[in-house]
Amino acid sequence: MSLRAAILGFLELEPASGYTLQQRFDGSVSGFWTATQSQIYRELHALERDGLVVWREEAGEPGKPARKVYTNTTKGRDALDAWLLEPLEPLQLRHPLLLKLVFSAEVAPAALDDLLGRYQHGLTELRIDYAARVGSPEIFSLARSPREVALWELSIDHGLAWVDMELAWVKKARRRLLEPAAKRVARATRKPRRK
């Protein structure tokens, strides 16, 4: 339901074509929710079939075909409202890096450090992207109220906090995995201190 709800949410902000929706995903929520062009169009067709959106044809730019501009129906707005009020379950973490770490005892230390280094670099790039969103007029120009601006800022703040936490963890992991084996064994076999 999340992709469906995200599309309904964007259409509640303003009517849009599938292409514009892709730009909205890429320019605002891609740090925590992504969608491909084909997923968006497939979902738009399903939303139309279910009576949640309608479209009107809009003339394209000179030399370009007309485009379908979608908007929510009353039923679509009701579905979005219902989704917004659904209770949330705790996030079930699925982290490919952690899964790899569990099984990487036989991987050469340099190769594992390289993997972690590339992950760290990607996180650094993601952090730059989040930081650029903080004051982005492209994102906040669609906000309909100061409350909406605050909610969007909180989403970005969460992304920054997550990236910072993940960067701190990967730096710690790299240091720990590169320390001498004897030191790692001593730490692992150390008895906990009594209080």
C-alpha atoms as a PDB file:
ATOM      1  CA  MET A   1       0.000   0.000   0.000  1.00  0.00           C
ATOM      2  CA  SER A   2       2.914   2.397   0.581  1.00  0.00           C
ATOM      3  CA  LEU A   3       3.676   3.104  -3.096  1.00  0.00           C
ATOM      4  CA  ARG A   4      -0.023   3.524  -3.781  1.00  0.00           C
ATOM      5  CA  ALA A   5      -0.344   5.871  -0.807  1.00  0.00           C
ATOM      6  CA  ALA A   6       2.758   7.847  -1.793  1.00  0.00           C
ATOM      7  CA  ILE A   7       1.326   8.433  -5.265  1.00  0.00           C
ATOM      8  CA  LEU A   8      -2.013   9.490  -3.767  1.00  0.00           C
ATOM      9  CA  GLY A   9      -0.092  11.794  -1.414  1.00  0.00           C
ATOM     10  CA  PHE A  10       1.802  13.469  -4.228  1.00  0.00           C
ATOM     11  CA  LEU A  11      -1.406  13.828  -6.252  1.00  0.00           C
ATOM     12  CA  GLU A  12      -3.046  15.446  -3.242  1.00  0.00           C
ATOM     13  CA  LEU A  13      -0.353  18.116  -3.383  1.00  0.00           C
ATOM     14  CA  GLU A  14      -1.001  18.753  -7.075  1.00  0.00           C
ATOM     15  CA  PRO A  15      -2.222  16.893 -10.170  1.00  0.00           C
ATOM     16  CA  ALA A  16       0.698  15.296 -11.996  1.00  0.00           C
ATOM     17  CA  SER A  17       1.754  13.081 -14.876  1.00  0.00           C
ATOM     18  CA  GLY A  18       3.636   9.849 -14.295  1.00  0.00           C
ATOM     19  CA  TYR A  19       6.840  11.608 -15.337  1.00  0.00           C
ATOM     20  CA  THR A  20       6.254  14.414 -12.827  1.00  0.00           C
ATOM     21  CA  LEU A  21       5.553  11.850 -10.117  1.00  0.00           C
ATOM     22  CA  GLN A  22       8.917  10.228 -10.853  1.00  0.00           C
ATOM     23  CA  GLN A  23      10.562  13.629 -10.436  1.00  0.00           C
ATOM     24  CA  ARG A  24       8.740  14.123  -7.125  1.00  0.00           C
ATOM     25  CA  PHE A  25       9.963  10.755  -5.831  1.00  0.00           C
ATOM     26  CA  ASP A  26      13.524  11.459  -6.971  1.00  0.00           C
ATOM     27  CA  GLY A  27      13.568  15.017  -5.632  1.00  0.00           C
ATOM     28  CA  SER A  28      11.970  14.552  -2.244  1.00  0.00           C
ATOM     29  CA  VAL A  29      11.480  11.082  -0.758  1.00  0.00           C
ATOM     30  CA  SER A  30      14.103   8.988  -2.572  1.00  0.00           C
ATOM     31  CA  GLY A  31      16.271   8.837   0.528  1.00  0.00           C
ATOM     32  CA  PHE A  32      13.708   6.603   2.214  1.00  0.00           C
ATOM     33  CA  TRP A  33      11.287   5.513  -0.499  1.00  0.00           C
ATOM     34  CA  THR A  34      12.091   4.827  -4.127  1.00  0.00           C
ATOM     35  CA  ALA A  35       9.972   3.939  -7.116  1.00  0.00           C
ATOM     36  CA  THR A  36      10.853   3.215 -10.712  1.00  0.00           C
ATOM     37  CA  GLN A  37       8.998   4.738 -13.639  1.00  0.00           C
ATOM     38  CA  SER A  38       7.436   1.371 -14.476  1.00  0.00           C
ATOM     39  CA  GLN A  39       6.248   0.874 -10.873  1.00  0.00           C
ATOM     40  CA  ILE A  40       4.661   4.320 -10.883  1.00  0.00           C
ATOM     41  CA  TYR A  41       2.815   3.764 -14.164  1.00  0.00           C
ATOM     42  CA  ARG A  42       1.683   0.283 -13.122  1.00  0.00           C
ATOM     43  CA  GLU A  43       0.327   1.707  -9.871  1.00  0.00           C
ATOM     44  CA  LEU A  44      -1.352   4.645 -11.656  1.00  0.00           C
ATOM     45  CA  HIS A  45      -3.218   2.176 -13.884  1.00  0.00           C
ATOM     46  CA  ALA A  46      -4.311   0.173 -10.833  1.00  0.00           C
ATOM     47  CA  LEU A  47      -5.400   3.353  -9.029  1.00  0.00           C
ATOM     48  CA  GLU A  48      -7.430   4.384 -12.073  1.00  0.00           C
ATOM     49  CA  ARG A  49      -8.985   0.915 -12.346  1.00  0.00           C
ATOM     50  CA  ASP A  50      -9.930   1.082  -8.655  1.00  0.00           C
ATOM     51  CA  GLY A  51     -11.509   4.520  -9.057  1.00  0.00           C
ATOM     52  CA  LEU A  52      -8.976   6.311  -6.856  1.00  0.00           C
ATOM     53  CA  VAL A  53      -7.602   8.610  -9.568  1.00  0.00           C
ATOM     54  CA  VAL A  54      -8.812  10.083 -12.839  1.00  0.00           C
ATOM     55  CA  TRP A  55      -6.814  11.692 -15.592  1.00  0.00           C
ATOM     56  CA  ARG A  56      -7.199  14.398 -18.167  1.00  0.00           C
ATOM     57  CA  GLU A  57      -5.189  14.808 -21.325  1.00  0.00           C
ATOM     58  CA  GLU A  58      -2.952  17.839 -21.436  1.00  0.00           C
ATOM     59  CA  ALA A  59      -1.218  19.105 -24.552  1.00  0.00           C
ATOM     60  CA  GLY A  60       2.493  18.385 -24.597  1.00  0.00           C
ATOM     61  CA  GLU A  61       5.251  20.744 -25.520  1.00  0.00           C
ATOM     62  CA  PRO A  62       5.678  21.397 -29.259  1.00  0.00           C
ATOM     63  CA  GLY A  63       6.703  18.176 -30.975  1.00  0.00           C
ATOM     64  CA  LYS A  64       5.865  16.079 -27.896  1.00  0.00           C
ATOM     65  CA  PRO A  65       2.793  13.914 -27.378  1.00  0.00           C
ATOM     66  CA  ALA A  66      -0.027  14.854 -25.053  1.00  0.00           C
ATOM     67  CA  ARG A  67       0.328  13.624 -21.496  1.00  0.00           C
ATOM     68  CA  LYS A  68      -2.037  12.212 -18.919  1.00  0.00           C
ATOM     69  CA  VAL A  69      -2.315  14.353 -15.805  1.00  0.00           C
ATOM     70  CA  TYR A  70      -3.712  12.424 -12.837  1.00  0.00           C
ATOM     71  CA  THR A  71      -5.671  13.720  -9.885  1.00  0.00           C
ATOM     72  CA  ASN A  72      -7.251  12.047  -6.873  1.00  0.00           C
ATOM     73  CA  THR A  73     -10.934  11.274  -6.733  1.00  0.00           C
ATOM     74  CA  THR A  74     -12.890  11.570  -3.481  1.00  0.00           C
ATOM     75  CA  LYS A  75     -12.379   7.817  -3.079  1.00  0.00           C
ATOM     76  CA  GLY A  76      -8.626   8.343  -3.569  1.00  0.00           C
ATOM     77  CA  ARG A  77      -8.501  11.086  -0.922  1.00  0.00           C
ATOM     78  CA  ASP A  78     -10.439   8.819   1.465  1.00  0.00           C
ATOM     79  CA  ALA A  79      -7.975   5.962   0.830  1.00  0.00           C
ATOM     80  CA  LEU A  80      -5.046   8.294   1.535  1.00  0.00           C
ATOM     81  CA  ASP A  81      -6.673   9.543   4.751  1.00  0.00           C
ATOM     82  CA  ALA A  82      -7.307   5.963   5.903  1.00  0.00           C
ATOM     83  CA  TRP A  83      -3.693   4.957   5.167  1.00  0.00           C
ATOM     84  CA  LEU A  84      -2.339   7.962   7.066  1.00  0.00           C
ATOM     85  CA  LEU A  85      -4.214   6.838  10.190  1.00  0.00           C
ATOM     86  CA  GLU A  86      -3.296   3.136  10.003  1.00  0.00           C
ATOM     87  CA  PRO A  87      -1.161   2.019  12.949  1.00  0.00           C
ATOM     88  CA  LEU A  88       2.514   1.437  12.214  1.00  0.00           C
ATOM     89  CA  GLU A  89       4.349  -1.756  13.047  1.00  0.00           C
ATOM     90  CA  PRO A  90       7.969  -1.486  14.204  1.00  0.00           C
ATOM     91  CA  LEU A  91      10.291  -1.425  11.225  1.00  0.00           C
ATOM     92  CA  GLN A  92      11.594  -4.869  10.288  1.00  0.00           C
ATOM     93  CA  LEU A  93      15.211  -4.221   9.445  1.00  0.00           C
ATOM     94  CA  ARG A  94      16.505  -5.915   6.290  1.00  0.00           C
ATOM     95  CA  HIS A  95      20.103  -4.835   5.918  1.00  0.00           C
ATOM     96  CA  PRO A  96      22.180  -6.637   3.254  1.00  0.00           C
ATOM     97  CA  LEU A  97      25.451  -5.440   4.785  1.00  0.00           C
ATOM     98  CA  LEU A  98      24.643  -7.000   8.167  1.00  0.00           C
ATOM     99  CA  LEU A  99      23.692 -10.252   6.485  1.00  0.00           C
ATOM    100  CA  LYS A 100      27.025 -10.264   4.641  1.00  0.00           C
ATOM    101  CA  LEU A 101      28.919  -9.580   7.873  1.00  0.00           C
ATOM    102  CA  VAL A 102      27.362 -12.603   9.573  1.00  0.00           C
ATOM    103  CA  PHE A 103      28.885 -14.880   6.921  1.00  0.00           C
ATOM    104  CA  SER A 104      32.143 -13.054   6.173  1.00  0.00           C
ATOM    105  CA  ALA A 105      34.530 -14.591   8.730  1.00  0.00           C
ATOM    106  CA  GLU A 106      36.587 -16.148   5.920  1.00  0.00           C
ATOM    107  CA  VAL A 107      36.691 -13.014   3.750  1.00  0.00           C
ATOM    108  CA  ALA A 108      40.128 -11.407   3.606  1.00  0.00           C
ATOM    109  CA  PRO A 109      40.316  -8.406   5.970  1.00  0.00           C
ATOM    110  CA  ALA A 110      41.353  -6.043   3.166  1.00  0.00           C
ATOM    111  CA  ALA A 111      38.430  -7.151   0.983  1.00  0.00           C
ATOM    112  CA  LEU A 112      35.963  -6.700   3.825  1.00  0.00           C
ATOM    113  CA  ASP A 113      37.411  -3.286   4.641  1.00  0.00           C
ATOM    114  CA  ASP A 114      37.049  -2.351   0.974  1.00  0.00           C
ATOM    115  CA  LEU A 115      33.378  -3.361   1.074  1.00  0.00           C
ATOM    116  CA  LEU A 116      32.825  -1.297   4.206  1.00  0.00           C
ATOM    117  CA  GLY A 117      34.770   1.613   2.698  1.00  0.00           C
ATOM    118  CA  ARG A 118      32.576   1.641  -0.393  1.00  0.00           C
ATOM    119  CA  TYR A 119      29.489   1.524   1.829  1.00  0.00           C
ATOM    120  CA  GLN A 120      30.878   4.439   3.876  1.00  0.00           C
ATOM    121  CA  HIS A 121      31.476   6.428   0.686  1.00  0.00           C
ATOM    122  CA  GLY A 122      27.881   5.804  -0.434  1.00  0.00           C
ATOM    123  CA  LEU A 123      26.604   6.952   2.954  1.00  0.00           C
ATOM    124  CA  THR A 124      28.700  10.102   2.712  1.00  0.00           C
ATOM    125  CA  GLU A 125      27.161  10.862  -0.687  1.00  0.00           C
ATOM    126  CA  LEU A 126      23.678  10.187   0.729  1.00  0.00           C
ATOM    127  CA  ARG A 127      24.351  12.574   3.595  1.00  0.00           C
ATOM    128  CA  ILE A 128      25.315  15.306   1.129  1.00  0.00           C
ATOM    129  CA  ASP A 129      22.041  14.669  -0.703  1.00  0.00           C
ATOM    130  CA  TYR A 130      19.989  14.898   2.497  1.00  0.00           C
ATOM    131  CA  ALA A 131      21.787  18.070   3.599  1.00  0.00           C
ATOM    132  CA  ALA A 132      21.033  19.669   0.229  1.00  0.00           C
ATOM    133  CA  ARG A 133      17.338  18.942   0.723  1.00  0.00           C
ATOM    134  CA  VAL A 134      17.117  20.862   4.007  1.00  0.00           C
ATOM    135  CA  GLY A 135      16.508  24.219   2.359  1.00  0.00           C
ATOM    136  CA  SER A 136      15.563  23.096  -1.138  1.00  0.00           C
ATOM    137  CA  PRO A 137      12.971  25.382  -2.711  1.00  0.00           C
ATOM    138  CA  GLU A 138      12.066  22.598  -5.155  1.00  0.00           C
ATOM    139  CA  ILE A 139      10.888  20.423  -2.292  1.00  0.00           C
ATOM    140  CA  PHE A 140       9.267  23.003  -0.064  1.00  0.00           C
ATOM    141  CA  SER A 141       7.534  25.007  -2.813  1.00  0.00           C
ATOM    142  CA  LEU A 142       4.701  22.445  -2.804  1.00  0.00           C
ATOM    143  CA  ALA A 143       4.079  22.748   0.941  1.00  0.00           C
ATOM    144  CA  ARG A 144       0.582  24.020   1.643  1.00  0.00           C
ATOM    145  CA  SER A 145       1.139  25.110   5.251  1.00  0.00           C
ATOM    146  CA  PRO A 146       3.822  25.747   7.866  1.00  0.00           C
ATOM    147  CA  ARG A 147       2.854  22.403   9.456  1.00  0.00           C
ATOM    148  CA  GLU A 148       3.540  20.610   6.186  1.00  0.00           C
ATOM    149  CA  VAL A 149       6.949  22.310   5.975  1.00  0.00           C
ATOM    150  CA  ALA A 150       7.709  21.119   9.538  1.00  0.00           C
ATOM    151  CA  LEU A 151       6.672  17.549   8.704  1.00  0.00           C
ATOM    152  CA  TRP A 152       8.851  17.490   5.601  1.00  0.00           C
ATOM    153  CA  GLU A 153      11.778  18.969   7.538  1.00  0.00           C
ATOM    154  CA  LEU A 154      11.360  16.232  10.163  1.00  0.00           C
ATOM    155  CA  SER A 155      11.544  13.577   7.422  1.00  0.00           C
ATOM    156  CA  ILE A 156      14.812  15.045   6.197  1.00  0.00           C
ATOM    157  CA  ASP A 157      16.119  15.370   9.772  1.00  0.00           C
ATOM    158  CA  HIS A 158      15.385  11.672  10.286  1.00  0.00           C
ATOM    159  CA  GLY A 159      17.348  10.819   7.146  1.00  0.00           C
ATOM    160  CA  LEU A 160      20.319  12.867   8.338  1.00  0.00           C
ATOM    161  CA  ALA A 161      20.213  11.277  11.805  1.00  0.00           C
ATOM    162  CA  TRP A 162      20.052   7.777  10.300  1.00  0.00           C
ATOM    163  CA  VAL A 163      22.971   8.433   7.947  1.00  0.00           C
ATOM    164  CA  ASP A 164      25.031   9.927  10.779  1.00  0.00           C
ATOM    165  CA  MET A 165      24.318   6.890  12.970  1.00  0.00           C
ATOM    166  CA  GLU A 166      25.164   4.480  10.144  1.00  0.00           C
ATOM    167  CA  LEU A 167      28.383   6.382   9.339  1.00  0.00           C
ATOM    168  CA  ALA A 168      29.457   6.231  12.990  1.00  0.00           C
ATOM    169  CA  TRP A 169      28.759   2.490  13.063  1.00  0.00           C
ATOM    170  CA  VAL A 170      30.650   1.712   9.836  1.00  0.00           C
ATOM    171  CA  LYS A 171      33.680   3.718  11.024  1.00  0.00           C
ATOM    172  CA  LYS A 172      33.652   1.768  14.298  1.00  0.00           C
ATOM    173  CA  ALA A 173      33.282  -1.529  12.416  1.00  0.00           C
ATOM    174  CA  ARG A 174      36.225  -0.749  10.137  1.00  0.00           C
ATOM    175  CA  ARG A 175      38.475   0.168  13.083  1.00  0.00           C
ATOM    176  CA  ARG A 176      37.475  -2.941  15.001  1.00  0.00           C
ATOM    177  CA  LEU A 177      37.904  -5.331  12.089  1.00  0.00           C
ATOM    178  CA  LEU A 178      41.357  -3.970  11.283  1.00  0.00           C
ATOM    179  CA  GLU A 179      42.696  -4.308  14.841  1.00  0.00           C
ATOM    180  CA  PRO A 180      44.937  -7.294  15.563  1.00  0.00           C
ATOM    181  CA  ALA A 181      43.155 -10.625  16.001  1.00  0.00           C
ATOM    182  CA  ALA A 182      44.568 -11.160  19.494  1.00  0.00           C
ATOM    183  CA  LYS A 183      42.976  -7.938  20.702  1.00  0.00           C
ATOM    184  CA  ARG A 184      39.593  -8.950  19.210  1.00  0.00           C
ATOM    185  CA  VAL A 185      39.771 -12.373  20.913  1.00  0.00           C
ATOM    186  CA  ALA A 186      40.705 -10.778  24.244  1.00  0.00           C
ATOM    187  CA  ARG A 187      37.731  -8.404  24.007  1.00  0.00           C
ATOM    188  CA  ALA A 188      35.337 -11.215  23.085  1.00  0.00           C
ATOM    189  CA  THR A 189      36.465 -13.479  25.947  1.00  0.00           C
ATOM    190  CA  ARG A 190      36.663 -10.736  28.589  1.00  0.00           C
ATOM    191  CA  LYS A 191      34.323 -11.323  31.511  1.00  0.00           C
ATOM    192  CA  PRO A 192      31.835  -8.537  32.194  1.00  0.00           C
ATOM    193  CA  ARG A 193      32.674  -6.297  35.131  1.00  0.00           C
ATOM    194  CA  ARG A 194      30.616  -6.656  38.264  1.00  0.00           C
ATOM    195  CA  LYS A 195      28.808  -3.638  39.478  1.00  0.00           C
END
